[in-house]
Amino acid sequence: TYFIEGFYDDTDDSQISDTITVQLRNSTTPFAVAYEKKGVLASDGTIQLQYIDIANGIYYIAVSHRNSIETWSSSAISVTSGSPENYNFSTASSQAFGNNEIQVDAAPVRFAAYSGDVNQDGTIDLTDGGLIDNDSFNFIGGYVSTDVNGDNLVDVADAVFADNNGFNFIVKQTP
């Protein structure tokens, strides 16, 4: 289970569905990608992915989205081939490595990945804000990384996420 800050709507406890990439990364440095899948995150925050021919092992889960900070599981988990594994990022910020999530709802309690890393460099900063501002000025719409709230229109509502998270020095946290 995984939520995205800008796509989450606390009035109905759901989010806009979108594509994410889920990697299983080796549990030792350099944390190489062992397996990777893309899928559509449902409005209830769930996704089910099947990794074919996965080796039994210990892996970190790393989730990325087109305009959110890449988020890693707080610790590596044991994976057994042919056995389903569940991981829920949404119950507490401590589910993410470095507590790198933001609370988006108090009832029910929900945590989400920070939104605003539109250039996917691992840092939400003025560069991201500038890209959003430029696309807003040019009336860009559609499925673009600068649409941080998923409404298919780049405007000041998107800039708020990058500005707030940049002000708080939000960066990718990894082991």
Protein backbone atom coordinates (compact mmCIF):
# COMPACT_ATOMS: atom_id res chain seq x y z
CA THR A 1 0.00 0.00 0.00
CA TYR A 2 1.42 3.35 -1.09
CA PHE A 3 0.03 6.86 -1.36
CA ILE A 4 1.28 9.93 -3.21
CA GLU A 5 0.98 13.29 -1.44
CA GLY A 6 -0.28 15.41 -4.34
CA PHE A 7 -2.63 12.73 -5.63
CA TYR A 8 -4.29 11.99 -2.26
CA ASP A 9 -7.77 13.31 -1.43
CA ASP A 10 -8.49 13.24 2.30
CA THR A 11 -12.19 13.97 1.77
CA ASP A 12 -12.78 10.45 0.44
CA ASP A 13 -9.59 8.66 1.58
CA SER A 14 -8.50 7.89 -1.97
CA GLN A 15 -6.00 9.02 -4.54
CA ILE A 16 -5.77 9.44 -8.26
CA SER A 17 -4.52 6.19 -9.78
CA ASP A 18 -1.19 6.44 -11.54
CA THR A 19 1.75 4.37 -12.69
CA ILE A 20 4.58 3.64 -10.26
CA THR A 21 7.76 1.61 -10.51
CA VAL A 22 8.56 -0.85 -7.74
CA GLN A 23 12.10 -2.17 -7.46
CA LEU A 24 13.42 -4.92 -5.24
CA ARG A 25 16.97 -3.91 -4.43
CA ASN A 26 19.72 -6.02 -2.91
CA SER A 27 20.07 -5.52 0.82
CA THR A 28 23.81 -4.82 0.69
CA THR A 29 25.72 -1.97 -0.85
CA PRO A 30 25.57 -0.88 -3.65
CA PHE A 31 21.88 -1.95 -3.36
CA ALA A 32 21.67 -2.99 -7.00
CA VAL A 33 18.27 -3.45 -8.61
CA ALA A 34 17.45 -7.16 -8.54
CA TYR A 35 13.90 -6.91 -9.92
CA GLU A 36 11.75 -4.13 -11.29
CA LYS A 37 8.08 -3.85 -12.26
CA LYS A 38 5.75 -1.05 -13.30
CA GLY A 39 2.10 -1.07 -12.44
CA VAL A 40 -0.91 1.11 -11.80
CA LEU A 41 -1.48 2.13 -8.20
CA ALA A 42 -5.19 1.82 -7.38
CA SER A 43 -7.22 4.63 -5.86
CA ASP A 44 -7.14 2.79 -2.50
CA GLY A 45 -3.32 2.84 -2.55
CA THR A 46 -2.85 -0.84 -3.35
CA ILE A 47 -0.90 -2.50 -6.11
CA GLN A 48 -0.20 -6.15 -6.81
CA LEU A 49 2.87 -7.07 -8.79
CA GLN A 50 4.18 -10.49 -9.70
CA TYR A 51 7.91 -10.99 -10.02
CA ILE A 52 8.60 -14.08 -12.14
CA ASP A 53 11.58 -16.26 -11.21
CA ILE A 54 12.44 -14.24 -8.14
CA ALA A 55 15.23 -15.63 -6.00
CA ASN A 56 14.67 -16.10 -2.28
CA GLY A 57 16.43 -13.28 -0.51
CA ILE A 58 16.42 -10.09 1.49
CA TYR A 59 15.46 -6.97 -0.46
CA TYR A 60 14.67 -3.32 0.04
CA ILE A 61 11.56 -2.05 -1.72
CA ALA A 62 12.12 1.18 -3.66
CA VAL A 63 9.08 2.95 -5.16
CA SER A 64 9.28 5.75 -7.68
CA HIS A 65 6.64 7.89 -9.33
CA ARG A 66 6.88 10.52 -12.08
CA ASN A 67 6.89 13.50 -9.69
CA SER A 68 7.45 12.17 -6.18
CA ILE A 69 10.53 11.45 -4.12
CA GLU A 70 11.72 7.88 -4.52
CA THR A 71 10.76 6.10 -1.30
CA TRP A 72 12.48 3.02 0.17
CA SER A 73 11.18 0.57 2.74
CA SER A 74 12.53 1.24 6.22
CA SER A 75 14.38 -2.07 6.23
CA ALA A 76 14.99 -4.95 3.91
CA ILE A 77 12.33 -7.66 3.86
CA SER A 78 12.59 -11.39 3.36
CA VAL A 79 11.12 -12.58 0.06
CA THR A 80 10.33 -16.21 -0.71
CA SER A 81 9.75 -17.30 -4.29
CA GLY A 82 6.11 -18.21 -4.91
CA SER A 83 4.92 -16.64 -1.66
CA PRO A 84 3.04 -13.33 -1.56
CA GLU A 85 4.66 -10.51 0.39
CA ASN A 86 2.88 -7.41 1.65
CA TYR A 87 4.34 -4.06 2.56
CA ASN A 88 2.36 -1.04 3.69
CA PHE A 89 4.08 2.35 3.43
CA SER A 90 0.95 4.22 4.54
CA THR A 91 0.58 3.33 8.23
CA ALA A 92 3.48 5.38 9.62
CA SER A 93 6.36 7.48 8.38
CA SER A 94 8.65 4.89 9.95
CA GLN A 95 7.63 2.47 7.18
CA ALA A 96 9.87 4.52 4.85
CA PHE A 97 13.63 4.65 5.17
CA GLY A 98 14.60 7.77 7.12
CA ASN A 99 10.91 8.40 7.99
CA ASN A 100 10.77 10.02 4.56
CA GLU A 101 6.99 10.42 4.19
CA ILE A 102 4.40 13.05 5.01
CA GLN A 103 1.12 12.55 6.86
CA VAL A 104 -1.75 13.30 4.47
CA ASP A 105 -4.71 12.19 6.59
CA ALA A 106 -5.45 11.91 10.32
CA ALA A 107 -8.55 9.71 10.12
CA PRO A 108 -7.69 7.21 8.88
CA VAL A 109 -4.01 7.82 9.48
CA ARG A 110 -2.24 7.86 6.14
CA PHE A 111 1.31 8.66 5.14
CA ALA A 112 2.43 9.32 1.57
CA ALA A 113 5.48 9.90 -0.57
CA TYR A 114 6.47 13.56 -0.88
CA SER A 115 5.40 15.16 -4.17
CA GLY A 116 7.33 17.70 -6.20
CA ASP A 117 10.49 15.98 -7.50
CA VAL A 118 9.48 16.60 -11.11
CA ASN A 119 12.98 16.17 -12.55
CA GLN A 120 13.62 12.98 -10.52
CA ASP A 121 17.02 14.06 -9.20
CA GLY A 122 16.21 12.99 -5.62
CA THR A 123 15.76 16.52 -4.28
CA ILE A 124 12.73 18.80 -4.21
CA ASP A 125 14.11 22.27 -4.80
CA LEU A 126 13.93 25.47 -6.87
CA THR A 127 14.73 23.56 -10.04
CA ASP A 128 11.49 21.61 -9.69
CA GLY A 129 9.60 24.78 -8.84
CA GLY A 130 11.00 26.50 -11.91
CA LEU A 131 9.89 23.67 -14.19
CA ILE A 132 6.39 23.82 -12.72
CA ASP A 133 6.31 27.64 -13.05
CA ASN A 134 7.42 27.48 -16.70
CA ASP A 135 4.79 24.87 -17.61
CA SER A 136 2.13 26.82 -15.72
CA PHE A 137 3.05 30.01 -17.59
CA ASN A 138 2.77 28.11 -20.90
CA PHE A 139 -0.60 26.53 -19.97
CA ILE A 140 0.75 22.97 -20.22
CA GLY A 141 -1.69 20.22 -19.45
CA GLY A 142 -2.02 16.45 -19.73
CA TYR A 143 0.06 13.63 -18.35
CA VAL A 144 3.26 15.52 -17.51
CA SER A 145 5.65 15.34 -14.57
CA THR A 146 4.96 18.94 -13.58
CA ASP A 147 1.30 18.09 -12.88
CA VAL A 148 1.99 17.32 -9.23
CA ASN A 149 -1.65 16.94 -8.13
CA GLY A 150 -2.83 14.79 -11.05
CA ASP A 151 -5.57 17.10 -12.38
CA ASN A 152 -4.00 17.25 -15.89
CA LEU A 153 -3.31 20.97 -15.58
CA VAL A 154 -0.06 22.59 -14.45
CA ASP A 155 -0.83 25.57 -12.24
CA VAL A 156 -0.12 27.16 -8.86
CA ALA A 157 -1.77 24.20 -7.10
CA ASP A 158 1.15 22.06 -8.30
CA ALA A 159 3.76 24.62 -7.32
CA VAL A 160 2.60 24.56 -3.69
CA PHE A 161 3.89 21.01 -3.21
CA ALA A 162 7.33 21.76 -4.65
CA ASP A 163 7.59 25.04 -2.73
CA ASN A 164 6.58 23.54 0.64
CA ASN A 165 8.70 20.42 0.28
CA GLY A 166 11.66 22.37 -1.07
CA PHE A 167 11.44 24.73 1.90
CA ASN A 168 11.62 21.65 4.16
CA PHE A 169 14.70 20.28 2.31
CA ILE A 170 13.01 17.04 1.23
CA VAL A 171 15.49 14.65 -0.39
CA LYS A 172 15.56 10.95 -1.22
CA GLN A 173 16.60 8.82 1.77
CA THR A 174 18.40 5.53 1.08
CA PRO A 175 20.45 3.09 3.14
